[in-house]
N, C-alpha and C. Protein backbone atom coordinates (compact mmCIF):
# COMPACT_ATOMS: atom_id res chain seq x y z
N MET A 1 -5.76 -32.30 -10.47
CA MET A 1 -6.13 -33.64 -10.93
C MET A 1 -7.60 -33.92 -10.60
N SER A 2 -8.47 -33.64 -11.52
CA SER A 2 -9.89 -33.88 -11.30
C SER A 2 -10.23 -35.37 -11.41
N GLU A 3 -9.34 -36.16 -11.99
CA GLU A 3 -9.58 -37.59 -12.16
C GLU A 3 -9.34 -38.38 -10.88
N SER A 4 -8.85 -37.73 -9.84
CA SER A 4 -8.49 -38.44 -8.61
C SER A 4 -9.70 -39.11 -7.95
N ASN A 5 -10.90 -38.65 -8.28
CA ASN A 5 -12.11 -39.25 -7.72
C ASN A 5 -12.47 -40.55 -8.43
N GLU A 6 -11.90 -40.79 -9.60
CA GLU A 6 -12.23 -41.99 -10.35
C GLU A 6 -11.25 -43.11 -10.05
N LYS A 7 -11.81 -44.25 -9.62
CA LYS A 7 -10.98 -45.42 -9.36
C LYS A 7 -10.83 -46.21 -10.65
N LYS A 8 -9.80 -47.03 -10.70
CA LYS A 8 -9.60 -47.89 -11.87
C LYS A 8 -9.43 -49.33 -11.40
N LEU A 9 -10.04 -50.24 -12.14
CA LEU A 9 -9.92 -51.66 -11.85
C LEU A 9 -9.53 -52.37 -13.14
N ASP A 10 -8.38 -53.00 -13.13
CA ASP A 10 -7.91 -53.75 -14.29
C ASP A 10 -8.22 -55.22 -14.06
N ALA A 11 -9.25 -55.70 -14.77
CA ALA A 11 -9.65 -57.10 -14.64
C ALA A 11 -9.28 -57.88 -15.90
N THR A 12 -8.34 -57.34 -16.70
CA THR A 12 -7.93 -58.07 -17.90
C THR A 12 -7.17 -59.33 -17.49
N GLY A 13 -7.38 -60.38 -18.26
CA GLY A 13 -6.74 -61.65 -17.97
C GLY A 13 -7.54 -62.50 -16.99
N LEU A 14 -8.64 -61.95 -16.47
CA LEU A 14 -9.49 -62.69 -15.54
C LEU A 14 -10.76 -63.13 -16.25
N PHE A 15 -11.30 -64.24 -15.81
CA PHE A 15 -12.50 -64.77 -16.46
C PHE A 15 -13.62 -64.97 -15.44
N CYS A 16 -14.83 -65.00 -15.96
CA CYS A 16 -16.05 -65.12 -15.17
C CYS A 16 -15.86 -66.15 -14.06
N PRO A 17 -16.22 -65.83 -12.85
CA PRO A 17 -16.92 -64.62 -12.41
C PRO A 17 -16.00 -63.53 -11.85
N GLU A 18 -14.70 -63.66 -12.00
CA GLU A 18 -13.76 -62.72 -11.36
C GLU A 18 -14.01 -61.24 -11.69
N PRO A 19 -14.20 -60.84 -12.97
CA PRO A 19 -14.40 -59.41 -13.24
C PRO A 19 -15.60 -58.82 -12.48
N VAL A 20 -16.70 -59.55 -12.44
CA VAL A 20 -17.89 -59.07 -11.73
C VAL A 20 -17.62 -59.06 -10.22
N PHE A 21 -17.00 -60.10 -9.72
CA PHE A 21 -16.72 -60.22 -8.30
C PHE A 21 -15.82 -59.08 -7.83
N ARG A 22 -14.78 -58.80 -8.58
CA ARG A 22 -13.86 -57.72 -8.20
C ARG A 22 -14.50 -56.34 -8.34
N THR A 23 -15.36 -56.18 -9.35
CA THR A 23 -16.11 -54.93 -9.49
C THR A 23 -16.99 -54.71 -8.26
N LYS A 24 -17.67 -55.75 -7.84
CA LYS A 24 -18.55 -55.68 -6.66
C LYS A 24 -17.75 -55.27 -5.43
N ILE A 25 -16.61 -55.89 -5.21
CA ILE A 25 -15.78 -55.57 -4.03
C ILE A 25 -15.34 -54.11 -4.06
N GLU A 26 -14.87 -53.64 -5.22
CA GLU A 26 -14.40 -52.26 -5.32
C GLU A 26 -15.53 -51.26 -5.11
N ILE A 27 -16.70 -51.54 -5.68
CA ILE A 27 -17.84 -50.62 -5.52
C ILE A 27 -18.29 -50.57 -4.06
N GLU A 28 -18.23 -51.71 -3.37
CA GLU A 28 -18.59 -51.72 -1.94
C GLU A 28 -17.66 -50.84 -1.12
N ARG A 29 -16.42 -50.66 -1.55
CA ARG A 29 -15.44 -49.84 -0.83
C ARG A 29 -15.58 -48.35 -1.14
N MET A 30 -16.35 -48.02 -2.18
CA MET A 30 -16.45 -46.65 -2.64
C MET A 30 -17.56 -45.88 -1.93
N GLN A 31 -17.50 -44.55 -2.05
CA GLN A 31 -18.55 -43.68 -1.54
C GLN A 31 -19.59 -43.48 -2.65
N VAL A 32 -20.83 -43.22 -2.27
CA VAL A 32 -21.88 -42.92 -3.25
C VAL A 32 -21.43 -41.72 -4.07
N GLY A 33 -21.61 -41.82 -5.38
CA GLY A 33 -21.23 -40.74 -6.29
C GLY A 33 -19.86 -40.93 -6.91
N GLN A 34 -19.04 -41.83 -6.34
CA GLN A 34 -17.73 -42.08 -6.92
C GLN A 34 -17.89 -42.90 -8.20
N ILE A 35 -16.88 -42.80 -9.05
CA ILE A 35 -16.90 -43.47 -10.35
C ILE A 35 -15.72 -44.44 -10.42
N ILE A 36 -15.98 -45.60 -11.00
CA ILE A 36 -14.92 -46.58 -11.23
C ILE A 36 -14.90 -46.95 -12.70
N SER A 37 -13.72 -47.11 -13.23
CA SER A 37 -13.53 -47.53 -14.61
C SER A 37 -12.96 -48.95 -14.58
N VAL A 38 -13.73 -49.90 -15.12
CA VAL A 38 -13.35 -51.31 -15.09
C VAL A 38 -12.97 -51.77 -16.50
N SER A 39 -11.76 -52.30 -16.64
CA SER A 39 -11.31 -52.85 -17.93
C SER A 39 -11.25 -54.37 -17.82
N ALA A 40 -11.81 -55.04 -18.81
CA ALA A 40 -11.83 -56.50 -18.81
C ALA A 40 -11.77 -57.02 -20.24
N ASP A 41 -11.14 -58.17 -20.41
CA ASP A 41 -11.10 -58.77 -21.75
C ASP A 41 -11.82 -60.12 -21.81
N ASP A 42 -12.52 -60.47 -20.76
CA ASP A 42 -13.38 -61.66 -20.78
C ASP A 42 -14.56 -61.34 -21.70
N PRO A 43 -14.82 -62.20 -22.70
CA PRO A 43 -15.93 -61.92 -23.63
C PRO A 43 -17.28 -61.72 -22.95
N ASP A 44 -17.48 -62.33 -21.78
CA ASP A 44 -18.76 -62.21 -21.07
C ASP A 44 -18.81 -61.02 -20.11
N ALA A 45 -17.69 -60.34 -19.91
CA ALA A 45 -17.63 -59.28 -18.90
C ALA A 45 -18.59 -58.14 -19.19
N GLU A 46 -18.71 -57.73 -20.45
CA GLU A 46 -19.59 -56.61 -20.79
C GLU A 46 -21.02 -56.88 -20.32
N GLU A 47 -21.56 -58.02 -20.71
CA GLU A 47 -22.93 -58.35 -20.34
C GLU A 47 -23.05 -58.60 -18.84
N ASP A 48 -22.11 -59.37 -18.27
CA ASP A 48 -22.18 -59.73 -16.85
C ASP A 48 -22.09 -58.50 -15.94
N ILE A 49 -21.12 -57.62 -16.21
CA ILE A 49 -20.95 -56.44 -15.37
C ILE A 49 -22.11 -55.46 -15.58
N SER A 50 -22.53 -55.26 -16.84
CA SER A 50 -23.66 -54.37 -17.12
C SER A 50 -24.91 -54.83 -16.36
N ARG A 51 -25.16 -56.12 -16.39
CA ARG A 51 -26.34 -56.68 -15.72
C ARG A 51 -26.22 -56.50 -14.20
N TRP A 52 -25.03 -56.74 -13.66
CA TRP A 52 -24.82 -56.58 -12.21
C TRP A 52 -25.04 -55.12 -11.80
N VAL A 53 -24.51 -54.18 -12.59
CA VAL A 53 -24.65 -52.75 -12.30
C VAL A 53 -26.12 -52.37 -12.24
N THR A 54 -26.89 -52.76 -13.24
CA THR A 54 -28.32 -52.44 -13.31
C THR A 54 -29.08 -53.08 -12.16
N ARG A 55 -28.82 -54.35 -11.91
CA ARG A 55 -29.53 -55.09 -10.86
C ARG A 55 -29.27 -54.50 -9.48
N ASN A 56 -28.10 -53.90 -9.28
CA ASN A 56 -27.74 -53.36 -7.98
C ASN A 56 -27.95 -51.85 -7.86
N GLY A 57 -28.59 -51.26 -8.87
CA GLY A 57 -29.01 -49.86 -8.77
C GLY A 57 -27.92 -48.83 -9.00
N HIS A 58 -26.84 -49.23 -9.65
CA HIS A 58 -25.78 -48.28 -9.97
C HIS A 58 -25.99 -47.80 -11.40
N GLU A 59 -25.15 -46.88 -11.87
CA GLU A 59 -25.34 -46.30 -13.20
C GLU A 59 -24.14 -46.60 -14.09
N LEU A 60 -24.42 -47.18 -15.27
CA LEU A 60 -23.38 -47.41 -16.27
C LEU A 60 -23.27 -46.12 -17.09
N LEU A 61 -22.18 -45.39 -16.89
CA LEU A 61 -22.01 -44.09 -17.54
C LEU A 61 -21.49 -44.22 -18.97
N ASN A 62 -20.61 -45.19 -19.19
CA ASN A 62 -19.97 -45.29 -20.49
C ASN A 62 -19.44 -46.70 -20.69
N LEU A 63 -19.40 -47.12 -21.94
CA LEU A 63 -18.85 -48.43 -22.29
C LEU A 63 -18.08 -48.25 -23.59
N THR A 64 -16.81 -48.61 -23.56
CA THR A 64 -15.99 -48.50 -24.77
C THR A 64 -15.27 -49.81 -25.01
N LYS A 65 -14.94 -50.05 -26.27
CA LYS A 65 -14.22 -51.26 -26.65
C LYS A 65 -12.97 -50.87 -27.41
N ASP A 66 -11.88 -51.53 -27.04
CA ASP A 66 -10.61 -51.33 -27.74
C ASP A 66 -10.05 -52.72 -27.99
N GLY A 67 -10.27 -53.22 -29.19
CA GLY A 67 -9.89 -54.60 -29.49
C GLY A 67 -10.71 -55.54 -28.63
N SER A 68 -10.04 -56.41 -27.87
CA SER A 68 -10.77 -57.38 -27.04
C SER A 68 -11.06 -56.84 -25.64
N THR A 69 -10.60 -55.63 -25.35
CA THR A 69 -10.80 -55.06 -24.01
C THR A 69 -12.01 -54.13 -23.98
N THR A 70 -12.89 -54.39 -23.03
CA THR A 70 -14.06 -53.55 -22.80
C THR A 70 -13.82 -52.75 -21.53
N THR A 71 -14.12 -51.46 -21.57
CA THR A 71 -13.99 -50.61 -20.38
C THR A 71 -15.37 -50.06 -20.03
N LEU A 72 -15.79 -50.29 -18.80
CA LEU A 72 -17.09 -49.84 -18.32
C LEU A 72 -16.86 -48.79 -17.24
N GLN A 73 -17.52 -47.66 -17.37
CA GLN A 73 -17.40 -46.59 -16.38
C GLN A 73 -18.71 -46.63 -15.57
N ILE A 74 -18.57 -46.85 -14.27
CA ILE A 74 -19.72 -47.08 -13.40
C ILE A 74 -19.75 -46.06 -12.27
N LYS A 75 -20.93 -45.53 -12.00
CA LYS A 75 -21.11 -44.59 -10.89
C LYS A 75 -21.88 -45.30 -9.78
N LYS A 76 -21.31 -45.25 -8.57
CA LYS A 76 -22.00 -45.85 -7.41
C LYS A 76 -23.17 -44.96 -7.03
N MET A 77 -24.35 -45.53 -6.99
CA MET A 77 -25.56 -44.74 -6.77
C MET A 77 -26.16 -44.93 -5.37
N LYS A 78 -25.74 -45.96 -4.65
CA LYS A 78 -26.32 -46.17 -3.31
C LYS A 78 -25.36 -46.91 -2.43
């Protein structure tokens, strides 16, 4: 299972600022280099989480949309 290093955070059904807040908490618990996949259906989550990731020096690896759900794959960089 090579995916065991990737954490998952389901923030669907939550609205600003919860998706960003929960992403921040999970990333703080992670080791540098670990990856988290965050799913959210808040219309503002894509922009809010992307901006938070950039501002805090992490790397947005991937962003996908499936209907109203956006999934962001983030690598902890520091």
